[in-house]
PDB file of N, CA and C in Angstrom:
ATOM      1  N   MET A   1      53.883 163.758  35.774  1.00  0.00           N
ATOM      2  CA  MET A   1      54.306 163.904  37.149  1.00  0.00           C
ATOM      3  C   MET A   1      55.730 163.358  37.280  1.00  0.00           C
ATOM      4  N   ASN A   2      56.492 164.041  38.077  1.00  0.00           N
ATOM      5  CA  ASN A   2      57.894 163.723  38.274  1.00  0.00           C
ATOM      6  C   ASN A   2      58.047 162.628  39.334  1.00  0.00           C
ATOM      7  N   ASN A   3      58.866 161.610  39.040  1.00  0.00           N
ATOM      8  CA  ASN A   3      59.099 160.532  40.012  1.00  0.00           C
ATOM      9  C   ASN A   3      59.698 161.051  41.309  1.00  0.00           C
ATOM     10  N   ALA A   4      60.518 162.093  41.225  1.00  0.00           N
ATOM     11  CA  ALA A   4      61.118 162.662  42.435  1.00  0.00           C
ATOM     12  C   ALA A   4      60.038 163.221  43.350  1.00  0.00           C
ATOM     13  N   MET A   5      58.985 163.790  42.768  1.00  0.00           N
ATOM     14  CA  MET A   5      57.880 164.322  43.576  1.00  0.00           C
ATOM     15  C   MET A   5      57.208 163.191  44.346  1.00  0.00           C
ATOM     16  N   ILE A   6      57.004 162.070  43.698  1.00  0.00           N
ATOM     17  CA  ILE A   6      56.367 160.923  44.347  1.00  0.00           C
ATOM     18  C   ILE A   6      57.266 160.391  45.450  1.00  0.00           C
ATOM     19  N   ILE A   7      58.543 160.256  45.171  1.00  0.00           N
ATOM     20  CA  ILE A   7      59.471 159.751  46.177  1.00  0.00           C
ATOM     21  C   ILE A   7      59.503 160.687  47.381  1.00  0.00           C
ATOM     22  N   ASN A   8      59.524 161.989  47.153  1.00  0.00           N
ATOM     23  CA  ASN A   8      59.503 162.940  48.263  1.00  0.00           C
ATOM     24  C   ASN A   8      58.246 162.793  49.108  1.00  0.00           C
ATOM     25  N   ARG A   9      57.134 162.475  48.496  1.00  0.00           N
ATOM     26  CA  ARG A   9      55.889 162.275  49.237  1.00  0.00           C
ATOM     27  C   ARG A   9      55.927 160.974  50.045  1.00  0.00           C
ATOM     28  N   GLU A  10      56.726 160.015  49.605  1.00  0.00           N
ATOM     29  CA  GLU A  10      56.829 158.732  50.302  1.00  0.00           C
ATOM     30  C   GLU A  10      57.693 158.819  51.551  1.00  0.00           C
ATOM     31  N   LEU A  11      58.604 159.761  51.607  1.00  0.00           N
ATOM     32  CA  LEU A  11      59.587 159.813  52.691  1.00  0.00           C
ATOM     33  C   LEU A  11      58.976 159.837  54.092  1.00  0.00           C
ATOM     34  N   PRO A  12      57.919 160.618  54.357  1.00  0.00           N
ATOM     35  CA  PRO A  12      57.339 160.580  55.704  1.00  0.00           C
ATOM     36  C   PRO A  12      56.789 159.194  56.063  1.00  0.00           C
ATOM     37  N   GLU A  13      56.221 158.508  55.095  1.00  0.00           N
ATOM     38  CA  GLU A  13      55.701 157.161  55.351  1.00  0.00           C
ATOM     39  C   GLU A  13      56.845 156.183  55.612  1.00  0.00           C
ATOM     40  N   VAL A  14      57.922 156.315  54.865  1.00  0.00           N
ATOM     41  CA  VAL A  14      59.083 155.454  55.073  1.00  0.00           C
ATOM     42  C   VAL A  14      59.668 155.708  56.462  1.00  0.00           C
ATOM     43  N   ALA A  15      59.700 156.971  56.870  1.00  0.00           N
ATOM     44  CA  ALA A  15      60.205 157.308  58.208  1.00  0.00           C
ATOM     45  C   ALA A  15      59.360 156.633  59.289  1.00  0.00           C
ATOM     46  N   LYS A  16      58.047 156.577  59.079  1.00  0.00           N
ATOM     47  CA  LYS A  16      57.170 155.893  60.043  1.00  0.00           C
ATOM     48  C   LYS A  16      57.477 154.399  60.096  1.00  0.00           C
ATOM     49  N   ILE A  17      57.731 153.808  58.941  1.00  0.00           N
ATOM     50  CA  ILE A  17      58.066 152.380  58.887  1.00  0.00           C
ATOM     51  C   ILE A  17      59.365 152.133  59.641  1.00  0.00           C
ATOM     52  N   VAL A  18      60.353 152.989  59.439  1.00  0.00           N
ATOM     53  CA  VAL A  18      61.637 152.855  60.141  1.00  0.00           C
ATOM     54  C   VAL A  18      61.406 152.963  61.643  1.00  0.00           C
ATOM     55  N   GLU A  19      60.594 153.920  62.059  1.00  0.00           N
ATOM     56  CA  GLU A  19      60.307 154.104  63.483  1.00  0.00           C
ATOM     57  C   GLU A  19      59.652 152.861  64.085  1.00  0.00           C
ATOM     58  N   VAL A  20      58.678 152.308  63.392  1.00  0.00           N
ATOM     59  CA  VAL A  20      57.980 151.121  63.889  1.00  0.00           C
ATOM     60  C   VAL A  20      58.924 149.928  63.965  1.00  0.00           C
ATOM     61  N   GLU A  21      59.698 149.707  62.924  1.00  0.00           N
ATOM     62  CA  GLU A  21      60.613 148.564  62.918  1.00  0.00           C
ATOM     63  C   GLU A  21      61.715 148.716  63.970  1.00  0.00           C
ATOM     64  N   THR A  22      62.162 149.953  64.204  1.00  0.00           N
ATOM     65  CA  THR A  22      63.162 150.190  65.254  1.00  0.00           C
ATOM     66  C   THR A  22      62.570 149.872  66.617  1.00  0.00           C
ATOM     67  N   ARG A  23      61.344 150.308  66.834  1.00  0.00           N
ATOM     68  CA  ARG A  23      60.671 150.038  68.107  1.00  0.00           C
ATOM     69  C   ARG A  23      60.472 148.533  68.317  1.00  0.00           C
ATOM     70  N   HIS A  24      60.071 147.820  67.271  1.00  0.00           N
ATOM     71  CA  HIS A  24      59.880 146.370  67.369  1.00  0.00           C
ATOM     72  C   HIS A  24      61.190 145.666  67.694  1.00  0.00           C
ATOM     73  N   GLU A  25      62.260 146.086  67.023  1.00  0.00           N
ATOM     74  CA  GLU A  25      63.565 145.455  67.262  1.00  0.00           C
ATOM     75  C   GLU A  25      64.063 145.776  68.680  1.00  0.00           C
ATOM     76  N   ARG A  26      63.803 146.973  69.143  1.00  0.00           N
ATOM     77  CA  ARG A  26      64.179 147.347  70.510  1.00  0.00           C
ATOM     78  C   ARG A  26      63.478 146.435  71.510  1.00  0.00           C
ATOM     79  N   ARG A  27      62.199 146.161  71.267  1.00  0.00           N
ATOM     80  CA  ARG A  27      61.441 145.272  72.157  1.00  0.00           C
ATOM     81  C   ARG A  27      61.969 143.842  72.086  1.00  0.00           C
ATOM     82  N   ARG A  28      62.310 143.379  70.870  1.00  0.00           N
ATOM     83  CA  ARG A  28      62.832 142.016  70.716  1.00  0.00           C
ATOM     84  C   ARG A  28      64.141 141.839  71.481  1.00  0.00           C
ATOM     85  N   ARG A  29      65.009 142.846  71.381  1.00  0.00           N
ATOM     86  CA  ARG A  29      66.332 142.738  72.011  1.00  0.00           C
ATOM     87  C   ARG A  29      66.325 143.148  73.484  1.00  0.00           C
ATOM     88  N   GLY A  30      65.384 144.009  73.835  1.00  0.00           N
ATOM     89  CA  GLY A  30      65.367 144.509  75.202  1.00  0.00           C
ATOM     90  C   GLY A  30      66.438 145.544  75.471  1.00  0.00           C
ATOM     91  N   SER A  31      66.914 146.197  74.419  1.00  0.00           N
ATOM     92  CA  SER A  31      67.920 147.258  74.569  1.00  0.00           C
ATOM     93  C   SER A  31      67.766 148.265  73.430  1.00  0.00           C
ATOM     94  N   GLU A  32      68.479 149.372  73.548  1.00  0.00           N
ATOM     95  CA  GLU A  32      68.404 150.410  72.515  1.00  0.00           C
ATOM     96  C   GLU A  32      68.888 149.879  71.164  1.00  0.00           C
ATOM     97  N   VAL A  33      68.237 150.340  70.118  1.00  0.00           N
ATOM     98  CA  VAL A  33      68.591 149.940  68.749  1.00  0.00           C
ATOM     99  C   VAL A  33      68.560 151.192  67.880  1.00  0.00           C
ATOM    100  N   SER A  34      69.553 151.338  67.047  1.00  0.00           N
ATOM    101  CA  SER A  34      69.614 152.468  66.122  1.00  0.00           C
ATOM    102  C   SER A  34      68.725 152.189  64.913  1.00  0.00           C
ATOM    103  N   PRO A  35      68.116 153.221  64.360  1.00  0.00           N
ATOM    104  CA  PRO A  35      67.364 153.029  63.112  1.00  0.00           C
ATOM    105  C   PRO A  35      68.272 152.598  61.961  1.00  0.00           C
ATOM    106  N   HIS A  36      69.585 152.755  62.154  1.00  0.00           N
ATOM    107  CA  HIS A  36      70.553 152.375  61.121  1.00  0.00           C
ATOM    108  C   HIS A  36      71.062 150.946  61.311  1.00  0.00           C
ATOM    109  N   ASP A  37      70.531 150.265  62.308  1.00  0.00           N
ATOM    110  CA  ASP A  37      70.900 148.874  62.570  1.00  0.00           C
ATOM    111  C   ASP A  37      70.561 148.031  61.345  1.00  0.00           C
ATOM    112  N   LEU A  38      71.442 147.101  61.012  1.00  0.00           N
ATOM    113  CA  LEU A  38      71.252 146.281  59.815  1.00  0.00           C
ATOM    114  C   LEU A  38      69.937 145.508  59.851  1.00  0.00           C
ATOM    115  N   THR A  39      69.571 144.957  60.993  1.00  0.00           N
ATOM    116  CA  THR A  39      68.313 144.206  61.104  1.00  0.00           C
ATOM    117  C   THR A  39      67.120 145.109  60.819  1.00  0.00           C
ATOM    118  N   VAL A  40      67.144 146.314  61.354  1.00  0.00           N
ATOM    119  CA  VAL A  40      66.060 147.270  61.117  1.00  0.00           C
ATOM    120  C   VAL A  40      65.998 147.613  59.631  1.00  0.00           C
ATOM    121  N   GLN A  41      67.140 147.891  59.038  1.00  0.00           N
ATOM    122  CA  GLN A  41      67.168 148.252  57.618  1.00  0.00           C
ATOM    123  C   GLN A  41      66.630 147.127  56.737  1.00  0.00           C
ATOM    124  N   VAL A  42      66.996 145.894  57.061  1.00  0.00           N
ATOM    125  CA  VAL A  42      66.519 144.751  56.274  1.00  0.00           C
ATOM    126  C   VAL A  42      65.006 144.618  56.416  1.00  0.00           C
ATOM    127  N   ARG A  43      64.490 144.745  57.618  1.00  0.00           N
ATOM    128  CA  ARG A  43      63.038 144.633  57.823  1.00  0.00           C
ATOM    129  C   ARG A  43      62.283 145.745  57.104  1.00  0.00           C
ATOM    130  N   VAL A  44      62.819 146.958  57.125  1.00  0.00           N
ATOM    131  CA  VAL A  44      62.196 148.075  56.415  1.00  0.00           C
ATOM    132  C   VAL A  44      62.185 147.781  54.917  1.00  0.00           C
ATOM    133  N   ALA A  45      63.307 147.341  54.385  1.00  0.00           N
ATOM    134  CA  ALA A  45      63.383 147.020  52.961  1.00  0.00           C
ATOM    135  C   ALA A  45      62.397 145.917  52.596  1.00  0.00           C
ATOM    136  N   GLN A  46      62.284 144.898  53.444  1.00  0.00           N
ATOM    137  CA  GLN A  46      61.343 143.813  53.166  1.00  0.00           C
ATOM    138  C   GLN A  46      59.904 144.332  53.127  1.00  0.00           C
ATOM    139  N   ARG A  47      59.543 145.168  54.078  1.00  0.00           N
ATOM    140  CA  ARG A  47      58.180 145.709  54.104  1.00  0.00           C
ATOM    141  C   ARG A  47      57.887 146.521  52.858  1.00  0.00           C
ATOM    142  N   ILE A  48      58.851 147.330  52.456  1.00  0.00           N
ATOM    143  CA  ILE A  48      58.642 148.186  51.283  1.00  0.00           C
ATOM    144  C   ILE A  48      58.599 147.348  50.012  1.00  0.00           C
ATOM    145  N   LEU A  49      59.489 146.379  49.901  1.00  0.00           N
ATOM    146  CA  LEU A  49      59.544 145.562  48.686  1.00  0.00           C
ATOM    147  C   LEU A  49      58.428 144.530  48.608  1.00  0.00           C
ATOM    148  N   ASP A  50      57.837 144.194  49.743  1.00  0.00           N
ATOM    149  CA  ASP A  50      56.767 143.192  49.760  1.00  0.00           C
ATOM    150  C   ASP A  50      55.402 143.760  49.371  1.00  0.00           C
ATOM    151  N   GLY A  51      55.363 144.904  48.740  1.00  0.00           N
ATOM    152  CA  GLY A  51      54.095 145.429  48.262  1.00  0.00           C
ATOM    153  C   GLY A  51      53.691 146.726  48.919  1.00  0.00           C
ATOM    154  N   LEU A  52      54.153 146.970  50.123  1.00  0.00           N
ATOM    155  CA  LEU A  52      53.806 148.218  50.780  1.00  0.00           C
ATOM    156  C   LEU A  52      54.315 149.393  49.959  1.00  0.00           C
ATOM    157  N   GLY A  53      55.503 149.255  49.392  1.00  0.00           N
ATOM    158  CA  GLY A  53      56.085 150.322  48.577  1.00  0.00           C
ATOM    159  C   GLY A  53      55.223 150.638  47.373  1.00  0.00           C
ATOM    160  N   ARG A  54      54.711 149.602  46.737  1.00  0.00           N
ATOM    161  CA  ARG A  54      53.844 149.820  45.575  1.00  0.00           C
ATOM    162  C   ARG A  54      52.585 150.559  45.984  1.00  0.00           C
ATOM    163  N   ASP A  55      51.972 150.114  47.071  1.00  0.00           N
ATOM    164  CA  ASP A  55      50.760 150.772  47.549  1.00  0.00           C
ATOM    165  C   ASP A  55      51.029 152.215  47.937  1.00  0.00           C
ATOM    166  N   LEU A  56      52.132 152.429  48.631  1.00  0.00           N
ATOM    167  CA  LEU A  56      52.511 153.771  49.050  1.00  0.00           C
ATOM    168  C   LEU A  56      52.740 154.659  47.838  1.00  0.00           C
ATOM    169  N   ARG A  57      53.459 154.142  46.839  1.00  0.00           N
ATOM    170  CA  ARG A  57      53.748 154.915  45.628  1.00  0.00           C
ATOM    171  C   ARG A  57      52.458 155.271  44.898  1.00  0.00           C
ATOM    172  N   GLU A  58      51.536 154.325  44.796  1.00  0.00           N
ATOM    173  CA  GLU A  58      50.268 154.591  44.116  1.00  0.00           C
ATOM    174  C   GLU A  58      49.447 155.636  44.868  1.00  0.00           C
ATOM    175  N   ARG A  59      49.414 155.533  46.188  1.00  0.00           N
ATOM    176  CA  ARG A  59      48.660 156.495  46.992  1.00  0.00           C
ATOM    177  C   ARG A  59      49.250 157.899  46.847  1.00  0.00           C
ATOM    178  N   CYS A  60      50.575 157.992  46.906  1.00  0.00           N
ATOM    179  CA  CYS A  60      51.223 159.296  46.769  1.00  0.00           C
ATOM    180  C   CYS A  60      51.047 159.861  45.362  1.00  0.00           C
ATOM    181  N   ALA A  61      51.053 158.998  44.368  1.00  0.00           N
ATOM    182  CA  ALA A  61      50.838 159.448  42.992  1.00  0.00           C
ATOM    183  C   ALA A  61      49.430 159.995  42.828  1.00  0.00           C
ATOM    184  N   ARG A  62      48.437 159.315  43.416  1.00  0.00           N
ATOM    185  CA  ARG A  62      47.051 159.811  43.345  1.00  0.00           C
ATOM    186  C   ARG A  62      46.931 161.159  44.040  1.00  0.00           C
ATOM    187  N   GLN A  63      47.563 161.287  45.188  1.00  0.00           N
ATOM    188  CA  GLN A  63      47.512 162.539  45.932  1.00  0.00           C
ATOM    189  C   GLN A  63      48.156 163.668  45.121  1.00  0.00           C
ATOM    190  N   ALA A  64      49.304 163.386  44.527  1.00  0.00           N
ATOM    191  CA  ALA A  64      49.991 164.397  43.724  1.00  0.00           C
ATOM    192  C   ALA A  64      49.139 164.797  42.522  1.00  0.00           C
ATOM    193  N   GLU A  65      48.470 163.837  41.907  1.00  0.00           N
ATOM    194  CA  GLU A  65      47.613 164.137  40.756  1.00  0.00           C
ATOM    195  C   GLU A  65      46.434 165.010  41.176  1.00  0.00           C
ATOM    196  N   ARG A  66      45.813 164.703  42.309  1.00  0.00           N
ATOM    197  CA  ARG A  66      44.700 165.536  42.802  1.00  0.00           C
ATOM    198  C   ARG A  66      45.166 166.969  43.060  1.00  0.00           C
ATOM    199  N   MET A  67      46.358 167.091  43.623  1.00  0.00           N
ATOM    200  CA  MET A  67      46.882 168.429  43.903  1.00  0.00           C
ATOM    201  C   MET A  67      47.179 169.174  42.603  1.00  0.00           C
ATOM    202  N   ALA A  68      47.690 168.479  41.603  1.00  0.00           N
ATOM    203  CA  ALA A  68      47.983 169.109  40.318  1.00  0.00           C
ATOM    204  C   ALA A  68      46.697 169.584  39.650  1.00  0.00           C
ATOM    205  N   VAL A  69      45.644 168.774  39.727  1.00  0.00           N
ATOM    206  CA  VAL A  69      44.346 169.156  39.154  1.00  0.00           C
ATOM    207  C   VAL A  69      43.821 170.387  39.871  1.00  0.00           C
ATOM    208  N   ARG A  70      43.908 170.380  41.197  1.00  0.00           N
ATOM    209  CA  ARG A  70      43.441 171.522  41.989  1.00  0.00           C
ATOM    210  C   ARG A  70      44.216 172.779  41.617  1.00  0.00           C
ATOM    211  N   ASP A  71      45.530 172.651  41.477  1.00  0.00           N
ATOM    212  CA  ASP A  71      46.361 173.801  41.128  1.00  0.00           C
ATOM    213  C   ASP A  71      46.026 174.335  39.743  1.00  0.00           C
ATOM    214  N   ARG A  72      45.759 173.432  38.792  1.00  0.00           N
ATOM    215  CA  ARG A  72      45.406 173.871  37.446  1.00  0.00           C
ATOM    216  C   ARG A  72      44.105 174.662  37.460  1.00  0.00           C
ATOM    217  N   LYS A  73      43.169 174.277  38.320  1.00  0.00           N
ATOM    218  CA  LYS A  73      41.897 174.980  38.422  1.00  0.00           C
ATOM    219  C   LYS A  73      42.083 176.396  38.950  1.00  0.00           C
ATOM    220  N   HIS A  74      43.083 176.583  39.802  1.00  0.00           N
ATOM    221  CA  HIS A  74      43.310 177.902  40.406  1.00  0.00           C
ATOM    222  C   HIS A  74      44.087 178.849  39.504  1.00  0.00           C
ATOM    223  N   ILE A  75      44.744 178.294  38.498  1.00  0.00           N
ATOM    224  CA  ILE A  75      45.520 179.138  37.578  1.00  0.00           C
ATOM    225  C   ILE A  75      44.569 179.628  36.488  1.00  0.00           C
ATOM    226  N   ARG A  76      44.485 180.899  36.366  1.00  0.00           N
ATOM    227  CA  ARG A  76      43.615 181.486  35.337  1.00  0.00           C
ATOM    228  C   ARG A  76      44.497 182.050  34.231  1.00  0.00           C
ATOM    229  N   GLU A  77      44.102 181.760  33.008  1.00  0.00           N
ATOM    230  CA  GLU A  77      44.872 182.276  31.880  1.00  0.00           C
ATOM    231  C   GLU A  77      44.505 183.733  31.668  1.00  0.00           C
ATOM    232  N   PRO A  78      45.502 184.557  31.300  1.00  0.00           N
ATOM    233  CA  PRO A  78      45.225 185.976  31.076  1.00  0.00           C
ATOM    234  C   PRO A  78      44.298 186.177  29.870  1.00  0.00           C
ATOM    235  N   ALA A  79      43.481 187.202  29.968  1.00  0.00           N
ATOM    236  CA  ALA A  79      42.553 187.517  28.861  1.00  0.00           C
ATOM    237  C   ALA A  79      43.335 188.033  27.666  1.00  0.00           C
ATOM    238  N   SER A  80      42.880 187.681  26.446  1.00  0.00           N
ATOM    239  CA  SER A  80      43.585 188.111  25.226  1.00  0.00           C
ATOM    240  C   SER A  80      43.116 189.448  24.781  1.00  0.00           C
TER     241      SER A  80
END
């Protein structure tokens, strides 16, 4: 399995983390906050590096493997 495939599967989850951290920071400050704000980026990085990233990567890898197995079952080799 290609690492790029796993990373692509992680992107929607990372986007959710960014959204949550942006919302939390907006509440803390009481004003609008960009998802590109340094505080938001640091919190997102901390969440991902603190183990969430590993769990996310493992979950996406399992999902990709299940899909690959399913796809292999659907491919029929031509008769000789």
